Amino acid sequence: MNRTLPILTLITLLSCSRNQKLPPVEELETAQHPRRKTAIQQPHGNPEKLFAALDKCTKYRYCGALDRLNLYFASHDKEHNYPILIAAAASTSARIASYALFRLYPYTARKGLPEALVPILDRNSDRKVQKLGLTLLLLSRQEVGTAYVLKRWDTLPAELKLALVWVVRKIASSLPPPFIEGLQEEPLPSLRALALELKVGHSNDLSTLVACVKALSPQSGHCALSLGRLRTPAVAPNLIALFDHFQKSVRGRRRRLAVPPQLFDTLERLNTLALLSKKRGYGLAKAVLINRKFSDKFRGRAARYIGEVGTKEARLLLDRYRKDRRRRVGYAVRRAIYLMEKKG
């Protein structure tokens, strides 16, 4: 009698549990993760308070206000967000203004954007705000924005001009020819090379860029990179001719020739675009590495390229120069071997 009582109790409990309905999955998730569910269901908030919280964030700590702002703007449409972002861009806080300007990039085609940004840039002298705002004005390709940037161009600091190089390259067809011509008089080598690159893009005559590289001037490296940006089959034979030209130039020289190492960046780009084979590139790099009349920097860059080729022949060649008497070259060779082994 005493033994059967616990058994009957157990059976009764099991039958009751079978009849009991389980709660929905949604309720279980809410019970387990109440805070996460609330955050997902209620992404909206007061943008003014969120911006104020963003401004108080420190540089090297997690900023929850940034995530909440991103969630806020992602949960609303562009028409709702635009006036809020314009108002935030006019903030005296560089952090708030920078965030808002960055968020305005999808609105570059919107009419009235330059008119809204011009007074903001006139009042705010922060470098980051200026860079983002001027970039937006150029990308808008609207007359008001372009005229404002060109009017201020000569007074812009070198740092800002360098930050705008990619934008000028992107919208070159929308810029007046006198402005492009004026870039050739800039003190910055990268801007002078940009002027040549844009002219070559219209004429398809590579001779000016090739001559710029041969001159071994401060802008020669930039001109070498410009060659790599031109997606035309004519670049490959011109690049090979440049390597041959410098091989002939070092004959009989006592001092090492400082050739721009950016030639190998262009060589890698041509390999990627299948405009020049890696086998041909390996031959050019090998001729540079074994020639001690080239500068250490140029030979070291050749070693790096040979390591990226990654063949057995390339490894044997690098092994010969891992203890090169020029320390910089030897280090570059050993580094190339290490990266080859790391890739397996």
Foldseek 3Di string as FASTA:
>chain_A
DVVVVVVVVVVVVVVVVVPDDDDDPVVVCCVVCVPVVVCVVDLDDDVVVLLVQQLPDDDPDDRPSVVSVVSHVVVDDPVVCVVVLLVQLLDQRPRSVLVSLVVCQVVLCPPPPLVSLVVSCVVHDDLSNVLSSLLSLLSSLDPSSLVVCVVCVVVDDPVSVVSCLVSCLVVVVSDDPVVLVCQCVDPDLLSVLSSVLVVCVVVVDLVVLLVLQVVPDPNNLNSLVSLLVDPDLVSVVSLVVSLVVVLVVLVPDPAAAEHRLSNVVSVVSCCVVVSDPLVVVLVSLLSLLVDPSHDLVNNLSSLLSLLVVLDPVSLVSLVVCCPPPPVSNNVSSVVSNVVSVVVD
